[in-house]
Amino acid sequence: MTETILIVEDEVKIARLLQLELEYEGYYTVIAHTGMDGLISFREKEIDLVLLDVMLPEMNGFEVLKRIRATDEHTPVLMLTAKGTVKDKVEGLDLGANDYITKPFEMEEVFARIRSALRRTANKQTGMHKGSLMLDETKHEVMRDGELIPFTPREFELLAYFMKNPEQVLTREQILDRVWGFDYYGDTNVVDVYVRYVRKKLETPGKSYLQTIRGVGYMLKETKDEA
């Protein structure tokens, strides 16, 4: 599988250099020149790693990182910036950055850090488990008690978000932001509709998974009905 790297860099020449070098190495790339565009690209595309500059127009890299980590704890993010002070590095790492590369950089160093970050991610189990549920993002499969269940792409993304945040109450706004995108302006009832779709596919007699927290949102928690 060829990994896709999102390059969020406002300096066009640097972004283009990274794109050319990375594609020569066999990676797919996506480029964004503003923080807002970077966040949109991350949410709309299947991204395996992010190269994220700090000094960006519209939204700085720290804010982009914060928003990424609010809904995704796993995708590697490497901060790429001319700022090399300890304070900046600490702030980025505290917000969830996996590594820090200071400009000017050597491409071999960038390649090495990317390989290291992707290797650490690959070494983690690709399947997420919650009770009798298993979701594999690599194979795009959902299994319940060993049985394969077909899911549409949107249903899969919704369940994946719940699986990444088990036994946490997720509001409709959080779900819309992560699954449909922060710029979605449609009816918020779409969340309720898709939760019903997913719930119908998952639930079996005596066992339920998606719990409604009245007035707040939903939570993934496997429960069994008392006999």
C-alpha atoms as a PDB file:
ATOM      1  CA  MET A   1       0.000   0.000   0.000  1.00  0.00           C
ATOM      2  CA  THR A   2       1.328   3.447  -0.970  1.00  0.00           C
ATOM      3  CA  GLU A   3       1.029   6.000   1.829  1.00  0.00           C
ATOM      4  CA  THR A   4      -0.470   9.442   1.252  1.00  0.00           C
ATOM      5  CA  ILE A   5       1.325  12.394   2.834  1.00  0.00           C
ATOM      6  CA  LEU A   6      -0.380  15.739   3.380  1.00  0.00           C
ATOM      7  CA  ILE A   7       2.024  18.678   3.029  1.00  0.00           C
ATOM      8  CA  VAL A   8       0.723  21.825   4.726  1.00  0.00           C
ATOM      9  CA  GLU A   9       3.229  24.513   3.789  1.00  0.00           C
ATOM     10  CA  ASP A  10       2.627  28.101   2.687  1.00  0.00           C
ATOM     11  CA  GLU A  11       5.992  28.521   0.959  1.00  0.00           C
ATOM     12  CA  VAL A  12       5.182  27.296  -2.528  1.00  0.00           C
ATOM     13  CA  LYS A  13       8.755  26.382  -3.472  1.00  0.00           C
ATOM     14  CA  ILE A  14       9.286  24.303  -0.325  1.00  0.00           C
ATOM     15  CA  ALA A  15       5.923  22.567  -0.759  1.00  0.00           C
ATOM     16  CA  ARG A  16       6.757  21.760  -4.377  1.00  0.00           C
ATOM     17  CA  LEU A  17      10.223  20.470  -3.448  1.00  0.00           C
ATOM     18  CA  LEU A  18       8.743  18.180  -0.807  1.00  0.00           C
ATOM     19  CA  GLN A  19       6.089  16.983  -3.246  1.00  0.00           C
ATOM     20  CA  LEU A  20       8.617  16.129  -5.957  1.00  0.00           C
ATOM     21  CA  GLU A  21      11.018  14.389  -3.589  1.00  0.00           C
ATOM     22  CA  LEU A  22       8.303  12.408  -1.809  1.00  0.00           C
ATOM     23  CA  GLU A  23       6.633  11.317  -5.037  1.00  0.00           C
ATOM     24  CA  TYR A  24      10.017  10.242  -6.371  1.00  0.00           C
ATOM     25  CA  GLU A  25      10.312   8.067  -3.267  1.00  0.00           C
ATOM     26  CA  GLY A  26       6.953   6.485  -4.113  1.00  0.00           C
ATOM     27  CA  TYR A  27       4.539   8.343  -1.828  1.00  0.00           C
ATOM     28  CA  TYR A  28       1.292   9.982  -2.866  1.00  0.00           C
ATOM     29  CA  THR A  29       1.042  13.637  -1.814  1.00  0.00           C
ATOM     30  CA  VAL A  30      -1.630  16.237  -1.144  1.00  0.00           C
ATOM     31  CA  ILE A  31      -0.641  19.909  -0.826  1.00  0.00           C
ATOM     32  CA  ALA A  32      -2.324  22.708   1.127  1.00  0.00           C
ATOM     33  CA  HIS A  33      -0.943  26.242   1.455  1.00  0.00           C
ATOM     34  CA  THR A  34      -3.082  27.454   4.378  1.00  0.00           C
ATOM     35  CA  GLY A  35      -3.968  25.986   7.731  1.00  0.00           C
ATOM     36  CA  MET A  36      -7.664  25.929   6.885  1.00  0.00           C
ATOM     37  CA  ASP A  37      -7.097  24.146   3.575  1.00  0.00           C
ATOM     38  CA  GLY A  38      -4.814  21.681   5.336  1.00  0.00           C
ATOM     39  CA  LEU A  39      -7.489  20.837   7.884  1.00  0.00           C
ATOM     40  CA  ILE A  40     -10.104  20.417   5.160  1.00  0.00           C
ATOM     41  CA  SER A  41      -7.782  18.123   3.166  1.00  0.00           C
ATOM     42  CA  PHE A  42      -7.055  16.042   6.255  1.00  0.00           C
ATOM     43  CA  ARG A  43     -10.744  15.546   6.932  1.00  0.00           C
ATOM     44  CA  GLU A  44     -11.786  14.872   3.362  1.00  0.00           C
ATOM     45  CA  LYS A  45      -8.988  12.555   2.224  1.00  0.00           C
ATOM     46  CA  GLU A  46      -7.367   9.362   3.473  1.00  0.00           C
ATOM     47  CA  ILE A  47      -4.117  10.737   4.913  1.00  0.00           C
ATOM     48  CA  ASP A  48      -1.379   8.521   6.380  1.00  0.00           C
ATOM     49  CA  LEU A  49       1.011  11.242   7.599  1.00  0.00           C
ATOM     50  CA  VAL A  50       1.041  15.045   7.841  1.00  0.00           C
ATOM     51  CA  LEU A  51       3.995  17.380   7.306  1.00  0.00           C
ATOM     52  CA  LEU A  52       2.743  20.516   9.035  1.00  0.00           C
ATOM     53  CA  ASP A  53       4.353  23.946   9.009  1.00  0.00           C
ATOM     54  CA  VAL A  54       3.778  26.173  12.043  1.00  0.00           C
ATOM     55  CA  MET A  55       3.638  29.628  10.460  1.00  0.00           C
ATOM     56  CA  LEU A  56       0.584  29.351   8.199  1.00  0.00           C
ATOM     57  CA  PRO A  57      -2.023  31.856   7.006  1.00  0.00           C
ATOM     58  CA  GLU A  58      -5.638  31.601   8.199  1.00  0.00           C
ATOM     59  CA  MET A  59      -4.839  29.115  10.958  1.00  0.00           C
ATOM     60  CA  ASN A  60      -1.389  28.365  12.407  1.00  0.00           C
ATOM     61  CA  GLY A  61       0.046  24.878  12.581  1.00  0.00           C
ATOM     62  CA  PHE A  62      -0.489  24.517  16.327  1.00  0.00           C
ATOM     63  CA  GLU A  63      -4.211  25.193  15.904  1.00  0.00           C
ATOM     64  CA  VAL A  64      -4.415  22.763  12.970  1.00  0.00           C
ATOM     65  CA  LEU A  65      -2.652  20.118  15.067  1.00  0.00           C
ATOM     66  CA  LYS A  66      -4.983  20.744  17.992  1.00  0.00           C
ATOM     67  CA  ARG A  67      -8.030  20.222  15.774  1.00  0.00           C
ATOM     68  CA  ILE A  68      -6.573  17.097  14.204  1.00  0.00           C
ATOM     69  CA  ARG A  69      -5.831  15.585  17.606  1.00  0.00           C
ATOM     70  CA  ALA A  70      -9.331  16.431  18.863  1.00  0.00           C
ATOM     71  CA  THR A  71     -10.652  13.666  16.623  1.00  0.00           C
ATOM     72  CA  ASP A  72      -7.615  11.631  15.528  1.00  0.00           C
ATOM     73  CA  GLU A  73      -4.948  10.394  17.915  1.00  0.00           C
ATOM     74  CA  HIS A  74      -3.166   8.064  15.520  1.00  0.00           C
ATOM     75  CA  THR A  75      -2.173   9.734  12.233  1.00  0.00           C
ATOM     76  CA  PRO A  76       1.493  10.821  12.510  1.00  0.00           C
ATOM     77  CA  VAL A  77       2.059  14.590  12.364  1.00  0.00           C
ATOM     78  CA  LEU A  78       5.567  15.948  11.824  1.00  0.00           C
ATOM     79  CA  MET A  79       5.976  19.655  12.517  1.00  0.00           C
ATOM     80  CA  LEU A  80       8.022  21.368   9.813  1.00  0.00           C
ATOM     81  CA  THR A  81       9.105  24.900  10.633  1.00  0.00           C
ATOM     82  CA  ALA A  82      11.858  27.490  10.667  1.00  0.00           C
ATOM     83  CA  LYS A  83      11.218  27.932  14.362  1.00  0.00           C
ATOM     84  CA  GLY A  84      13.657  25.831  16.308  1.00  0.00           C
ATOM     85  CA  THR A  85      13.267  27.074  19.848  1.00  0.00           C
ATOM     86  CA  VAL A  86      12.672  24.656  22.698  1.00  0.00           C
ATOM     87  CA  LYS A  87       9.399  26.440  23.532  1.00  0.00           C
ATOM     88  CA  ASP A  88       7.974  25.831  20.051  1.00  0.00           C
ATOM     89  CA  LYS A  89       9.062  22.211  20.052  1.00  0.00           C
ATOM     90  CA  VAL A  90       7.569  21.589  23.472  1.00  0.00           C
ATOM     91  CA  GLU A  91       4.268  23.203  22.454  1.00  0.00           C
ATOM     92  CA  GLY A  92       4.036  21.077  19.318  1.00  0.00           C
ATOM     93  CA  LEU A  93       4.896  17.858  21.129  1.00  0.00           C
ATOM     94  CA  ASP A  94       2.484  18.652  23.960  1.00  0.00           C
ATOM     95  CA  LEU A  95      -0.291  19.106  21.400  1.00  0.00           C
ATOM     96  CA  GLY A  96       0.402  15.654  19.969  1.00  0.00           C
ATOM     97  CA  ALA A  97       3.052  16.100  17.266  1.00  0.00           C
ATOM     98  CA  ASN A  98       5.066  12.946  16.647  1.00  0.00           C
ATOM     99  CA  ASP A  99       8.266  14.686  15.616  1.00  0.00           C
ATOM    100  CA  TYR A 100       9.797  18.056  14.785  1.00  0.00           C
ATOM    101  CA  ILE A 101      11.922  18.968  11.753  1.00  0.00           C
ATOM    102  CA  THR A 102      13.610  22.362  11.678  1.00  0.00           C
ATOM    103  CA  LYS A 103      14.271  24.276   8.447  1.00  0.00           C
ATOM    104  CA  PRO A 104      16.616  24.237   6.637  1.00  0.00           C
ATOM    105  CA  PHE A 105      16.486  20.468   6.419  1.00  0.00           C
ATOM    106  CA  GLU A 106      18.095  17.682   4.432  1.00  0.00           C
ATOM    107  CA  MET A 107      15.658  15.506   2.515  1.00  0.00           C
ATOM    108  CA  GLU A 108      17.331  12.345   3.796  1.00  0.00           C
ATOM    109  CA  GLU A 109      16.457  13.437   7.336  1.00  0.00           C
ATOM    110  CA  VAL A 110      12.849  14.077   6.287  1.00  0.00           C
ATOM    111  CA  PHE A 111      12.644  10.640   4.648  1.00  0.00           C
ATOM    112  CA  ALA A 112      14.108   8.956   7.723  1.00  0.00           C
ATOM    113  CA  ARG A 113      11.672  10.641  10.094  1.00  0.00           C
ATOM    114  CA  ILE A 114       8.730   9.824   7.836  1.00  0.00           C
ATOM    115  CA  ARG A 115       9.759   6.162   7.602  1.00  0.00           C
ATOM    116  CA  SER A 116      10.167   6.001  11.364  1.00  0.00           C
ATOM    117  CA  ALA A 117       6.748   7.544  12.044  1.00  0.00           C
ATOM    118  CA  LEU A 118       4.985   5.312   9.502  1.00  0.00           C
ATOM    119  CA  ARG A 119       6.785   2.243  10.834  1.00  0.00           C
ATOM    120  CA  ARG A 120       5.610   2.976  14.378  1.00  0.00           C
ATOM    121  CA  THR A 121       2.066   3.377  13.095  1.00  0.00           C
ATOM    122  CA  ALA A 122       2.239   0.168  11.043  1.00  0.00           C
ATOM    123  CA  ASN A 123       3.517  -1.760  14.042  1.00  0.00           C
ATOM    124  CA  LYS A 124       0.376  -0.878  15.951  1.00  0.00           C
ATOM    125  CA  GLN A 125      -2.564  -3.190  15.556  1.00  0.00           C
ATOM    126  CA  THR A 126      -4.668  -2.068  12.600  1.00  0.00           C
ATOM    127  CA  GLY A 127      -7.839  -3.540  14.048  1.00  0.00           C
ATOM    128  CA  MET A 128      -9.757  -1.633  16.716  1.00  0.00           C
ATOM    129  CA  HIS A 129     -11.692  -3.789  19.155  1.00  0.00           C
ATOM    130  CA  LYS A 130     -14.610  -3.039  21.441  1.00  0.00           C
ATOM    131  CA  GLY A 131     -16.287  -6.029  22.996  1.00  0.00           C
ATOM    132  CA  SER A 132     -17.336  -8.329  20.170  1.00  0.00           C
ATOM    133  CA  LEU A 133     -16.768  -5.634  17.521  1.00  0.00           C
ATOM    134  CA  MET A 134     -13.646  -5.362  15.384  1.00  0.00           C
ATOM    135  CA  LEU A 135     -12.997  -2.606  12.860  1.00  0.00           C
ATOM    136  CA  ASP A 136      -9.996  -2.750  10.532  1.00  0.00           C
ATOM    137  CA  GLU A 137      -9.227   0.583   8.848  1.00  0.00           C
ATOM    138  CA  THR A 138      -6.664  -0.953   6.513  1.00  0.00           C
ATOM    139  CA  LYS A 139      -9.040  -3.571   5.121  1.00  0.00           C
ATOM    140  CA  HIS A 140     -12.114  -1.356   5.595  1.00  0.00           C
ATOM    141  CA  GLU A 141     -13.908  -4.206   7.347  1.00  0.00           C
ATOM    142  CA  VAL A 142     -16.263  -4.466  10.319  1.00  0.00           C
ATOM    143  CA  MET A 143     -16.807  -7.742  12.117  1.00  0.00           C
ATOM    144  CA  ARG A 144     -19.175  -8.639  14.950  1.00  0.00           C
ATOM    145  CA  ASP A 145     -18.543 -11.935  16.715  1.00  0.00           C
ATOM    146  CA  GLY A 146     -16.427 -12.942  13.708  1.00  0.00           C
ATOM    147  CA  GLU A 147     -19.171 -12.132  11.193  1.00  0.00           C
ATOM    148  CA  LEU A 148     -18.342  -9.644   8.409  1.00  0.00           C
ATOM    149  CA  ILE A 149     -20.865  -6.784   8.193  1.00  0.00           C
ATOM    150  CA  PRO A 150     -21.098  -4.586   5.056  1.00  0.00           C
ATOM    151  CA  PHE A 151     -20.847  -0.835   5.673  1.00  0.00           C
ATOM    152  CA  THR A 152     -21.082   2.159   3.358  1.00  0.00           C
ATOM    153  CA  PRO A 153     -18.062   4.538   3.477  1.00  0.00           C
ATOM    154  CA  ARG A 154     -19.956   7.086   5.616  1.00  0.00           C
ATOM    155  CA  GLU A 155     -21.255   4.441   8.012  1.00  0.00           C
ATOM    156  CA  PHE A 156     -17.736   3.025   8.314  1.00  0.00           C
ATOM    157  CA  GLU A 157     -16.265   6.445   9.092  1.00  0.00           C
ATOM    158  CA  LEU A 158     -18.947   7.072  11.704  1.00  0.00           C
ATOM    159  CA  LEU A 159     -18.325   3.747  13.442  1.00  0.00           C
ATOM    160  CA  ALA A 160     -14.551   4.292  13.262  1.00  0.00           C
ATOM    161  CA  TYR A 161     -14.973   7.595  15.104  1.00  0.00           C
ATOM    162  CA  PHE A 162     -16.942   5.844  17.838  1.00  0.00           C
ATOM    163  CA  MET A 163     -14.379   3.030  18.000  1.00  0.00           C
ATOM    164  CA  LYS A 164     -11.581   5.555  18.484  1.00  0.00           C
ATOM    165  CA  ASN A 165     -13.514   7.125  21.365  1.00  0.00           C
ATOM    166  CA  PRO A 166     -15.122   4.180  23.191  1.00  0.00           C
ATOM    167  CA  GLU A 167     -17.363   4.861  26.164  1.00  0.00           C
ATOM    168  CA  GLN A 168     -17.114   8.588  25.583  1.00  0.00           C
ATOM    169  CA  VAL A 169     -20.201  10.679  24.948  1.00  0.00           C
ATOM    170  CA  LEU A 170     -19.914  12.305  21.526  1.00  0.00           C
ATOM    171  CA  THR A 171     -22.193  15.219  20.718  1.00  0.00           C
ATOM    172  CA  ARG A 172     -23.884  15.628  17.365  1.00  0.00           C
ATOM    173  CA  GLU A 173     -21.666  18.654  16.719  1.00  0.00           C
ATOM    174  CA  GLN A 174     -18.488  16.632  17.340  1.00  0.00           C
ATOM    175  CA  ILE A 175     -19.700  13.863  15.059  1.00  0.00           C
ATOM    176  CA  LEU A 176     -20.660  16.306  12.306  1.00  0.00           C
ATOM    177  CA  ASP A 177     -17.288  18.021  12.588  1.00  0.00           C
ATOM    178  CA  ARG A 178     -15.303  14.780  12.305  1.00  0.00           C
ATOM    179  CA  VAL A 179     -17.389  12.696   9.930  1.00  0.00           C
ATOM    180  CA  TRP A 180     -19.040  15.297   7.695  1.00  0.00           C
ATOM    181  CA  GLY A 181     -16.511  18.133   8.044  1.00  0.00           C
ATOM    182  CA  PHE A 182     -16.564  21.384  10.006  1.00  0.00           C
ATOM    183  CA  ASP A 183     -17.930  23.280   6.971  1.00  0.00           C
ATOM    184  CA  TYR A 184     -21.040  21.075   6.701  1.00  0.00           C
ATOM    185  CA  TYR A 185     -24.159  23.226   6.797  1.00  0.00           C
ATOM    186  CA  GLY A 186     -26.856  20.622   6.288  1.00  0.00           C
ATOM    187  CA  ASP A 187     -29.389  19.256   8.737  1.00  0.00           C
ATOM    188  CA  THR A 188     -27.828  17.971  11.972  1.00  0.00           C
ATOM    189  CA  ASN A 189     -30.474  15.228  11.928  1.00  0.00           C
ATOM    190  CA  VAL A 190     -28.221  13.441   9.444  1.00  0.00           C
ATOM    191  CA  VAL A 191     -26.255  12.215  12.490  1.00  0.00           C
ATOM    192  CA  ASP A 192     -29.350  10.617  14.012  1.00  0.00           C
ATOM    193  CA  VAL A 193     -30.205   8.987  10.680  1.00  0.00           C
ATOM    194  CA  TYR A 194     -26.754   7.435  10.248  1.00  0.00           C
ATOM    195  CA  VAL A 195     -26.555   6.338  13.878  1.00  0.00           C
ATOM    196  CA  ARG A 196     -29.795   4.426  13.261  1.00  0.00           C
ATOM    197  CA  TYR A 197     -28.279   2.821  10.145  1.00  0.00           C
ATOM    198  CA  VAL A 198     -25.172   1.719  12.042  1.00  0.00           C
ATOM    199  CA  ARG A 199     -27.136   0.601  15.081  1.00  0.00           C
ATOM    200  CA  LYS A 200     -29.440  -1.526  12.925  1.00  0.00           C
ATOM    201  CA  LYS A 201     -26.454  -3.286  11.329  1.00  0.00           C
ATOM    202  CA  LEU A 202     -24.669  -3.927  14.624  1.00  0.00           C
ATOM    203  CA  GLU A 203     -27.338  -4.886  17.091  1.00  0.00           C
ATOM    204  CA  THR A 204     -28.414  -8.460  17.715  1.00  0.00           C
ATOM    205  CA  PRO A 205     -31.092  -9.846  20.045  1.00  0.00           C
ATOM    206  CA  GLY A 206     -29.998  -9.128  23.602  1.00  0.00           C
ATOM    207  CA  LYS A 207     -26.983  -6.997  22.671  1.00  0.00           C
ATOM    208  CA  SER A 208     -26.614  -3.323  21.751  1.00  0.00           C
ATOM    209  CA  TYR A 209     -23.648  -1.073  20.982  1.00  0.00           C
ATOM    210  CA  LEU A 210     -24.600   2.556  20.328  1.00  0.00           C
ATOM    211  CA  GLN A 211     -26.213   4.123  23.347  1.00  0.00           C
ATOM    212  CA  THR A 212     -28.263   7.315  23.171  1.00  0.00           C
ATOM    213  CA  ILE A 213     -27.376   9.835  25.869  1.00  0.00           C
ATOM    214  CA  ARG A 214     -30.549  11.867  25.906  1.00  0.00           C
ATOM    215  CA  GLY A 215     -30.060  15.546  25.261  1.00  0.00           C
ATOM    216  CA  VAL A 216     -26.314  15.147  24.644  1.00  0.00           C
ATOM    217  CA  GLY A 217     -25.382  12.661  21.929  1.00  0.00           C
ATOM    218  CA  TYR A 218     -24.254   9.053  21.576  1.00  0.00           C
ATOM    219  CA  MET A 219     -21.744   6.659  23.108  1.00  0.00           C
ATOM    220  CA  LEU A 220     -20.230   3.366  21.965  1.00  0.00           C
ATOM    221  CA  LYS A 221     -20.633   0.829  24.742  1.00  0.00           C
ATOM    222  CA  GLU A 222     -21.513  -2.823  24.343  1.00  0.00           C
ATOM    223  CA  THR A 223     -24.376  -3.795  26.623  1.00  0.00           C
ATOM    224  CA  LYS A 224     -26.321  -7.001  27.083  1.00  0.00           C
ATOM    225  CA  ASP A 225     -29.969  -7.174  27.989  1.00  0.00           C
ATOM    226  CA  GLU A 226     -30.686  -8.936  31.260  1.00  0.00           C
ATOM    227  CA  ALA A 227     -32.379 -12.287  30.690  1.00  0.00           C
END
